[in-house]
Amino acid sequence: MPFYEYQLCEGECSVCGGRFTLRRPLSAPELTKCPACKKPVRKVISSFSSPVKLKPLSVSEAKKAGFTVLKRIGKGEYERQ
């Protein structure tokens, strides 16, 4: 389930602080009111984390890291290197 950040459309709230984060399923309807103070809210576009793009391992580096390295010798056939 993704996290969604919300902000009050106007005014402030001592309960939610005017901004809050909720973890909601994708199938849930869009939130229009704060669950704590019932004031109108809008979804805030927030940052996200993406995986760091790394260079591919060489065969020797992969073996040192404990991976099994396979070489394709035919359609659906592989052998260990």
PDB file of N, CA and C in Angstrom:
ATOM      1  N   MET A   1       0.841  -1.177   0.000  1.00  0.00           N
ATOM      2  CA  MET A   1       0.000   0.000   0.000  1.00  0.00           C
ATOM      3  C   MET A   1       0.890   1.245   0.000  1.00  0.00           C
ATOM      4  N   PRO A   2       0.583   2.198  -0.865  1.00  0.00           N
ATOM      5  CA  PRO A   2       1.390   3.414  -0.928  1.00  0.00           C
ATOM      6  C   PRO A   2       1.002   4.415   0.164  1.00  0.00           C
ATOM      7  N   PHE A   3       1.917   5.337   0.422  1.00  0.00           N
ATOM      8  CA  PHE A   3       1.669   6.434   1.350  1.00  0.00           C
ATOM      9  C   PHE A   3       1.167   7.630   0.557  1.00  0.00           C
ATOM     10  N   TYR A   4       0.200   8.354   1.117  1.00  0.00           N
ATOM     11  CA  TYR A   4      -0.311   9.571   0.500  1.00  0.00           C
ATOM     12  C   TYR A   4      -0.204  10.706   1.503  1.00  0.00           C
ATOM     13  N   GLU A   5       0.249  11.870   1.030  1.00  0.00           N
ATOM     14  CA  GLU A   5       0.330  13.055   1.882  1.00  0.00           C
ATOM     15  C   GLU A   5      -0.846  13.961   1.556  1.00  0.00           C
ATOM     16  N   TYR A   6      -1.452  14.511   2.601  1.00  0.00           N
ATOM     17  CA  TYR A   6      -2.588  15.409   2.452  1.00  0.00           C
ATOM     18  C   TYR A   6      -2.326  16.691   3.207  1.00  0.00           C
ATOM     19  N   GLN A   7      -2.970  17.763   2.746  1.00  0.00           N
ATOM     20  CA  GLN A   7      -2.833  19.072   3.355  1.00  0.00           C
ATOM     21  C   GLN A   7      -4.223  19.704   3.408  1.00  0.00           C
ATOM     22  N   LEU A   8      -4.508  20.440   4.484  1.00  0.00           N
ATOM     23  CA  LEU A   8      -5.790  21.133   4.578  1.00  0.00           C
ATOM     24  C   LEU A   8      -5.889  22.172   3.475  1.00  0.00           C
ATOM     25  N   CYS A   9      -7.075  22.317   2.884  1.00  0.00           N
ATOM     26  CA  CYS A   9      -7.270  23.314   1.833  1.00  0.00           C
ATOM     27  C   CYS A   9      -7.158  24.727   2.401  1.00  0.00           C
ATOM     28  N   GLU A  10      -7.679  24.930   3.587  1.00  0.00           N
ATOM     29  CA  GLU A  10      -7.580  26.234   4.233  1.00  0.00           C
ATOM     30  C   GLU A  10      -7.703  26.068   5.736  1.00  0.00           C
ATOM     31  N   GLY A  11      -7.135  26.999   6.469  1.00  0.00           N
ATOM     32  CA  GLY A  11      -7.200  26.957   7.919  1.00  0.00           C
ATOM     33  C   GLY A  11      -6.145  26.036   8.507  1.00  0.00           C
ATOM     34  N   GLU A  12      -6.207  25.899   9.834  1.00  0.00           N
ATOM     35  CA  GLU A  12      -5.272  25.042  10.547  1.00  0.00           C
ATOM     36  C   GLU A  12      -6.040  24.131  11.491  1.00  0.00           C
ATOM     37  N   CYS A  13      -5.351  23.119  11.974  1.00  0.00           N
ATOM     38  CA  CYS A  13      -5.973  22.160  12.879  1.00  0.00           C
ATOM     39  C   CYS A  13      -4.942  21.765  13.933  1.00  0.00           C
ATOM     40  N   SER A  14      -5.355  21.748  15.183  1.00  0.00           N
ATOM     41  CA  SER A  14      -4.426  21.343  16.248  1.00  0.00           C
ATOM     42  C   SER A  14      -4.295  19.823  16.318  1.00  0.00           C
ATOM     43  N   VAL A  15      -5.251  19.090  15.744  1.00  0.00           N
ATOM     44  CA  VAL A  15      -5.216  17.628  15.785  1.00  0.00           C
ATOM     45  C   VAL A  15      -4.285  17.073  14.711  1.00  0.00           C
ATOM     46  N   CYS A  16      -4.500  17.479  13.462  1.00  0.00           N
ATOM     47  CA  CYS A  16      -3.693  16.936  12.353  1.00  0.00           C
ATOM     48  C   CYS A  16      -2.509  17.826  12.003  1.00  0.00           C
ATOM     49  N   GLY A  17      -2.477  19.047  12.480  1.00  0.00           N
ATOM     50  CA  GLY A  17      -1.368  19.946  12.189  1.00  0.00           C
ATOM     51  C   GLY A  17      -1.433  20.551  10.798  1.00  0.00           C
ATOM     52  N   GLY A  18      -2.506  20.344  10.079  1.00  0.00           N
ATOM     53  CA  GLY A  18      -2.656  20.916   8.741  1.00  0.00           C
ATOM     54  C   GLY A  18      -2.062  20.074   7.638  1.00  0.00           C
ATOM     55  N   ARG A  19      -1.292  19.054   7.989  1.00  0.00           N
ATOM     56  CA  ARG A  19      -0.664  18.172   6.991  1.00  0.00           C
ATOM     57  C   ARG A  19      -0.465  16.805   7.630  1.00  0.00           C
ATOM     58  N   PHE A  20      -0.793  15.749   6.894  1.00  0.00           N
ATOM     59  CA  PHE A  20      -0.655  14.402   7.446  1.00  0.00           C
ATOM     60  C   PHE A  20      -0.416  13.398   6.327  1.00  0.00           C
ATOM     61  N   THR A  21       0.072  12.222   6.702  1.00  0.00           N
ATOM     62  CA  THR A  21       0.369  11.144   5.764  1.00  0.00           C
ATOM     63  C   THR A  21      -0.452   9.925   6.150  1.00  0.00           C
ATOM     64  N   LEU A  22      -1.048   9.288   5.145  1.00  0.00           N
ATOM     65  CA  LEU A  22      -1.826   8.068   5.375  1.00  0.00           C
ATOM     66  C   LEU A  22      -1.354   6.971   4.440  1.00  0.00           C
ATOM     67  N   ARG A  23      -1.445   5.753   4.902  1.00  0.00           N
ATOM     68  CA  ARG A  23      -1.155   4.590   4.074  1.00  0.00           C
ATOM     69  C   ARG A  23      -2.501   4.017   3.658  1.00  0.00           C
ATOM     70  N   ARG A  24      -2.784   4.082   2.366  1.00  0.00           N
ATOM     71  CA  ARG A  24      -4.104   3.663   1.857  1.00  0.00           C
ATOM     72  C   ARG A  24      -3.934   2.743   0.654  1.00  0.00           C
ATOM     73  N   PRO A  25      -4.845   1.783   0.496  1.00  0.00           N
ATOM     74  CA  PRO A  25      -4.780   0.912  -0.689  1.00  0.00           C
ATOM     75  C   PRO A  25      -5.119   1.692  -1.954  1.00  0.00           C
ATOM     76  N   LEU A  26      -4.649   1.211  -3.087  1.00  0.00           N
ATOM     77  CA  LEU A  26      -4.920   1.864  -4.364  1.00  0.00           C
ATOM     78  C   LEU A  26      -6.408   1.881  -4.692  1.00  0.00           C
ATOM     79  N   SER A  27      -7.136   0.883  -4.218  1.00  0.00           N
ATOM     80  CA  SER A  27      -8.556   0.777  -4.523  1.00  0.00           C
ATOM     81  C   SER A  27      -9.425   1.692  -3.664  1.00  0.00           C
ATOM     82  N   ALA A  28      -8.855   2.349  -2.644  1.00  0.00           N
ATOM     83  CA  ALA A  28      -9.626   3.222  -1.761  1.00  0.00           C
ATOM     84  C   ALA A  28     -10.042   4.488  -2.507  1.00  0.00           C
ATOM     85  N   PRO A  29     -11.245   4.999  -2.223  1.00  0.00           N
ATOM     86  CA  PRO A  29     -11.661   6.247  -2.873  1.00  0.00           C
ATOM     87  C   PRO A  29     -10.798   7.416  -2.397  1.00  0.00           C
ATOM     88  N   GLU A  30     -10.735   8.463  -3.216  1.00  0.00           N
ATOM     89  CA  GLU A  30      -9.907   9.617  -2.881  1.00  0.00           C
ATOM     90  C   GLU A  30     -10.420  10.287  -1.612  1.00  0.00           C
ATOM     91  N   LEU A  31      -9.510  10.652  -0.740  1.00  0.00           N
ATOM     92  CA  LEU A  31      -9.861  11.289   0.524  1.00  0.00           C
ATOM     93  C   LEU A  31     -10.177  12.761   0.277  1.00  0.00           C
ATOM     94  N   THR A  32     -11.329  13.232   0.764  1.00  0.00           N
ATOM     95  CA  THR A  32     -11.715  14.630   0.574  1.00  0.00           C
ATOM     96  C   THR A  32     -11.772  15.394   1.884  1.00  0.00           C
ATOM     97  N   LYS A  33     -11.876  14.693   3.021  1.00  0.00           N
ATOM     98  CA  LYS A  33     -11.945  15.337   4.329  1.00  0.00           C
ATOM     99  C   LYS A  33     -10.962  14.692   5.282  1.00  0.00           C
ATOM    100  N   CYS A  34     -10.401  15.503   6.172  1.00  0.00           N
ATOM    101  CA  CYS A  34      -9.471  15.010   7.182  1.00  0.00           C
ATOM    102  C   CYS A  34     -10.217  14.061   8.124  1.00  0.00           C
ATOM    103  N   PRO A  35      -9.663  12.889   8.402  1.00  0.00           N
ATOM    104  CA  PRO A  35     -10.336  11.960   9.308  1.00  0.00           C
ATOM    105  C   PRO A  35     -10.432  12.488  10.739  1.00  0.00           C
ATOM    106  N   ALA A  36      -9.549  13.414  11.135  1.00  0.00           N
ATOM    107  CA  ALA A  36      -9.543  13.925  12.507  1.00  0.00           C
ATOM    108  C   ALA A  36     -10.466  15.135  12.680  1.00  0.00           C
ATOM    109  N   CYS A  37     -10.323  16.141  11.807  1.00  0.00           N
ATOM    110  CA  CYS A  37     -11.063  17.394  12.003  1.00  0.00           C
ATOM    111  C   CYS A  37     -12.192  17.600  10.998  1.00  0.00           C
ATOM    112  N   LYS A  38     -12.312  16.729  10.005  1.00  0.00           N
ATOM    113  CA  LYS A  38     -13.369  16.762   8.983  1.00  0.00           C
ATOM    114  C   LYS A  38     -13.324  17.978   8.069  1.00  0.00           C
ATOM    115  N   LYS A  39     -12.185  18.711   8.019  1.00  0.00           N
ATOM    116  CA  LYS A  39     -12.033  19.841   7.110  1.00  0.00           C
ATOM    117  C   LYS A  39     -11.604  19.325   5.742  1.00  0.00           C
ATOM    118  N   PRO A  40     -11.897  20.064   4.643  1.00  0.00           N
ATOM    119  CA  PRO A  40     -11.499  19.614   3.305  1.00  0.00           C
ATOM    120  C   PRO A  40      -9.971  19.554   3.155  1.00  0.00           C
ATOM    121  N   VAL A  41      -9.513  18.508   2.454  1.00  0.00           N
ATOM    122  CA  VAL A  41      -8.086  18.317   2.217  1.00  0.00           C
ATOM    123  C   VAL A  41      -7.820  18.105   0.740  1.00  0.00           C
ATOM    124  N   ARG A  42      -6.545  18.261   0.355  1.00  0.00           N
ATOM    125  CA  ARG A  42      -6.118  17.955  -1.017  1.00  0.00           C
ATOM    126  C   ARG A  42      -4.847  17.116  -0.934  1.00  0.00           C
ATOM    127  N   LYS A  43      -4.652  16.289  -1.932  1.00  0.00           N
ATOM    128  CA  LYS A  43      -3.473  15.435  -1.982  1.00  0.00           C
ATOM    129  C   LYS A  43      -2.268  16.269  -2.400  1.00  0.00           C
ATOM    130  N   VAL A  44      -1.149  16.044  -1.722  1.00  0.00           N
ATOM    131  CA  VAL A  44       0.086  16.761  -2.010  1.00  0.00           C
ATOM    132  C   VAL A  44       1.010  15.821  -2.767  1.00  0.00           C
ATOM    133  N   ILE A  45       1.604  16.309  -3.841  1.00  0.00           N
ATOM    134  CA  ILE A  45       2.568  15.502  -4.588  1.00  0.00           C
ATOM    135  C   ILE A  45       3.872  15.528  -3.810  1.00  0.00           C
ATOM    136  N   SER A  46       4.333  14.369  -3.422  1.00  0.00           N
ATOM    137  CA  SER A  46       5.532  14.286  -2.594  1.00  0.00           C
ATOM    138  C   SER A  46       6.641  13.582  -3.359  1.00  0.00           C
ATOM    139  N   SER A  47       7.813  13.590  -2.773  1.00  0.00           N
ATOM    140  CA  SER A  47       8.945  12.924  -3.402  1.00  0.00           C
ATOM    141  C   SER A  47       8.824  11.415  -3.227  1.00  0.00           C
ATOM    142  N   PHE A  48       9.559  10.679  -4.002  1.00  0.00           N
ATOM    143  CA  PHE A  48       9.560   9.232  -3.913  1.00  0.00           C
ATOM    144  C   PHE A  48      10.991   8.746  -4.028  1.00  0.00           C
ATOM    145  N   SER A  49      11.197   7.541  -3.580  1.00  0.00           N
ATOM    146  CA  SER A  49      12.535   6.976  -3.703  1.00  0.00           C
ATOM    147  C   SER A  49      12.553   6.002  -4.866  1.00  0.00           C
ATOM    148  N   SER A  50      13.589   6.069  -5.630  1.00  0.00           N
ATOM    149  CA  SER A  50      13.761   5.148  -6.739  1.00  0.00           C
ATOM    150  C   SER A  50      15.071   4.401  -6.525  1.00  0.00           C
ATOM    151  N   PRO A  51      15.163   3.195  -7.033  1.00  0.00           N
ATOM    152  CA  PRO A  51      16.399   2.447  -6.830  1.00  0.00           C
ATOM    153  C   PRO A  51      17.570   3.116  -7.541  1.00  0.00           C
ATOM    154  N   VAL A  52      18.715   3.003  -6.942  1.00  0.00           N
ATOM    155  CA  VAL A  52      19.925   3.562  -7.526  1.00  0.00           C
ATOM    156  C   VAL A  52      20.347   2.682  -8.701  1.00  0.00           C
ATOM    157  N   LYS A  53      20.652   3.299  -9.812  1.00  0.00           N
ATOM    158  CA  LYS A  53      21.060   2.537 -10.982  1.00  0.00           C
ATOM    159  C   LYS A  53      22.543   2.208 -10.852  1.00  0.00           C
ATOM    160  N   LEU A  54      22.841   0.932 -10.797  1.00  0.00           N
ATOM    161  CA  LEU A  54      24.218   0.483 -10.663  1.00  0.00           C
ATOM    162  C   LEU A  54      24.691  -0.160 -11.948  1.00  0.00           C
ATOM    163  N   LYS A  55      25.991  -0.191 -12.121  1.00  0.00           N
ATOM    164  CA  LYS A  55      26.537  -0.860 -13.300  1.00  0.00           C
ATOM    165  C   LYS A  55      26.396  -2.375 -13.102  1.00  0.00           C
ATOM    166  N   PRO A  56      26.223  -3.122 -14.170  1.00  0.00           N
ATOM    167  CA  PRO A  56      26.107  -4.573 -14.041  1.00  0.00           C
ATOM    168  C   PRO A  56      27.399  -5.191 -13.514  1.00  0.00           C
ATOM    169  N   LEU A  57      27.268  -6.276 -12.783  1.00  0.00           N
ATOM    170  CA  LEU A  57      28.433  -6.977 -12.263  1.00  0.00           C
ATOM    171  C   LEU A  57      29.131  -7.738 -13.379  1.00  0.00           C
ATOM    172  N   SER A  58      30.432  -7.834 -13.284  1.00  0.00           N
ATOM    173  CA  SER A  58      31.156  -8.696 -14.215  1.00  0.00           C
ATOM    174  C   SER A  58      30.995 -10.134 -13.719  1.00  0.00           C
ATOM    175  N   VAL A  59      31.376 -11.084 -14.534  1.00  0.00           N
ATOM    176  CA  VAL A  59      31.248 -12.491 -14.168  1.00  0.00           C
ATOM    177  C   VAL A  59      32.061 -12.798 -12.916  1.00  0.00           C
ATOM    178  N   SER A  60      33.282 -12.295 -12.846  1.00  0.00           N
ATOM    179  CA  SER A  60      34.125 -12.568 -11.680  1.00  0.00           C
ATOM    180  C   SER A  60      33.570 -11.899 -10.418  1.00  0.00           C
ATOM    181  N   GLU A  61      33.039 -10.663 -10.541  1.00  0.00           N
ATOM    182  CA  GLU A  61      32.451  -9.976  -9.392  1.00  0.00           C
ATOM    183  C   GLU A  61      31.199 -10.712  -8.910  1.00  0.00           C
ATOM    184  N   ALA A  62      30.393 -11.217  -9.850  1.00  0.00           N
ATOM    185  CA  ALA A  62      29.182 -11.941  -9.481  1.00  0.00           C
ATOM    186  C   ALA A  62      29.533 -13.235  -8.742  1.00  0.00           C
ATOM    187  N   LYS A  63      30.564 -13.940  -9.204  1.00  0.00           N
ATOM    188  CA  LYS A  63      30.986 -15.166  -8.536  1.00  0.00           C
ATOM    189  C   LYS A  63      31.502 -14.878  -7.132  1.00  0.00           C
ATOM    190  N   LYS A  64      32.278 -13.794  -6.979  1.00  0.00           N
ATOM    191  CA  LYS A  64      32.787 -13.409  -5.661  1.00  0.00           C
ATOM    192  C   LYS A  64      31.650 -13.051  -4.706  1.00  0.00           C
ATOM    193  N   ALA A  65      30.569 -12.497  -5.240  1.00  0.00           N
ATOM    194  CA  ALA A  65      29.418 -12.113  -4.418  1.00  0.00           C
ATOM    195  C   ALA A  65      28.534 -13.306  -4.077  1.00  0.00           C
ATOM    196  N   GLY A  66      28.844 -14.492  -4.632  1.00  0.00           N
ATOM    197  CA  GLY A  66      28.094 -15.699  -4.292  1.00  0.00           C
ATOM    198  C   GLY A  66      26.989 -16.070  -5.266  1.00  0.00           C
ATOM    199  N   PHE A  67      26.905 -15.382  -6.409  1.00  0.00           N
ATOM    200  CA  PHE A  67      25.880 -15.696  -7.394  1.00  0.00           C
ATOM    201  C   PHE A  67      26.325 -16.844  -8.288  1.00  0.00           C
ATOM    202  N   THR A  68      25.371 -17.614  -8.779  1.00  0.00           N
ATOM    203  CA  THR A  68      25.647 -18.640  -9.773  1.00  0.00           C
ATOM    204  C   THR A  68      25.534 -17.986 -11.144  1.00  0.00           C
ATOM    205  N   VAL A  69      26.588 -18.057 -11.927  1.00  0.00           N
ATOM    206  CA  VAL A  69      26.610 -17.428 -13.241  1.00  0.00           C
ATOM    207  C   VAL A  69      26.359 -18.500 -14.289  1.00  0.00           C
ATOM    208  N   LEU A  70      25.364 -18.248 -15.136  1.00  0.00           N
ATOM    209  CA  LEU A  70      24.994 -19.193 -16.182  1.00  0.00           C
ATOM    210  C   LEU A  70      25.265 -18.583 -17.550  1.00  0.00           C
ATOM    211  N   LYS A  71      25.610 -19.455 -18.509  1.00  0.00           N
ATOM    212  CA  LYS A  71      25.834 -19.025 -19.883  1.00  0.00           C
ATOM    213  C   LYS A  71      24.831 -19.765 -20.760  1.00  0.00           C
ATOM    214  N   ARG A  72      24.184 -19.043 -21.644  1.00  0.00           N
ATOM    215  CA  ARG A  72      23.190 -19.650 -22.526  1.00  0.00           C
ATOM    216  C   ARG A  72      23.904 -20.403 -23.640  1.00  0.00           C
ATOM    217  N   ILE A  73      23.562 -21.690 -23.799  1.00  0.00           N
ATOM    218  CA  ILE A  73      24.184 -22.494 -24.851  1.00  0.00           C
ATOM    219  C   ILE A  73      23.199 -22.874 -25.931  1.00  0.00           C
ATOM    220  N   GLY A  74      21.939 -22.640 -25.712  1.00  0.00           N
ATOM    221  CA  GLY A  74      20.913 -22.956 -26.694  1.00  0.00           C
ATOM    222  C   GLY A  74      19.575 -22.464 -26.191  1.00  0.00           C
ATOM    223  N   LYS A  75      18.536 -22.737 -26.958  1.00  0.00           N
ATOM    224  CA  LYS A  75      17.207 -22.294 -26.573  1.00  0.00           C
ATOM    225  C   LYS A  75      16.764 -23.058 -25.321  1.00  0.00           C
ATOM    226  N   GLY A  76      16.674 -22.350 -24.208  1.00  0.00           N
ATOM    227  CA  GLY A  76      16.262 -22.959 -22.949  1.00  0.00           C
ATOM    228  C   GLY A  76      17.334 -23.802 -22.280  1.00  0.00           C
ATOM    229  N   GLU A  77      18.579 -23.729 -22.767  1.00  0.00           N
ATOM    230  CA  GLU A  77      19.669 -24.529 -22.179  1.00  0.00           C
ATOM    231  C   GLU A  77      20.760 -23.592 -21.681  1.00  0.00           C
ATOM    232  N   TYR A  78      21.187 -23.835 -20.456  1.00  0.00           N
ATOM    233  CA  TYR A  78      22.233 -23.022 -19.826  1.00  0.00           C
ATOM    234  C   TYR A  78      23.240 -23.936 -19.148  1.00  0.00           C
ATOM    235  N   GLU A  79      24.473 -23.443 -19.025  1.00  0.00           N
ATOM    236  CA  GLU A  79      25.482 -24.188 -18.271  1.00  0.00           C
ATOM    237  C   GLU A  79      26.194 -23.214 -17.346  1.00  0.00           C
ATOM    238  N   ARG A  80      26.712 -23.769 -16.254  1.00  0.00           N
ATOM    239  CA  ARG A  80      27.445 -22.937 -15.291  1.00  0.00           C
ATOM    240  C   ARG A  80      28.757 -22.484 -15.886  1.00  0.00           C
ATOM    241  N   GLN A  81      29.194 -21.322 -15.503  1.00  0.00           N
ATOM    242  CA  GLN A  81      30.490 -20.820 -15.957  1.00  0.00           C
ATOM    243  C   GLN A  81      31.502 -21.012 -14.863  1.00  0.00           C
TER     244      GLN A  81
END
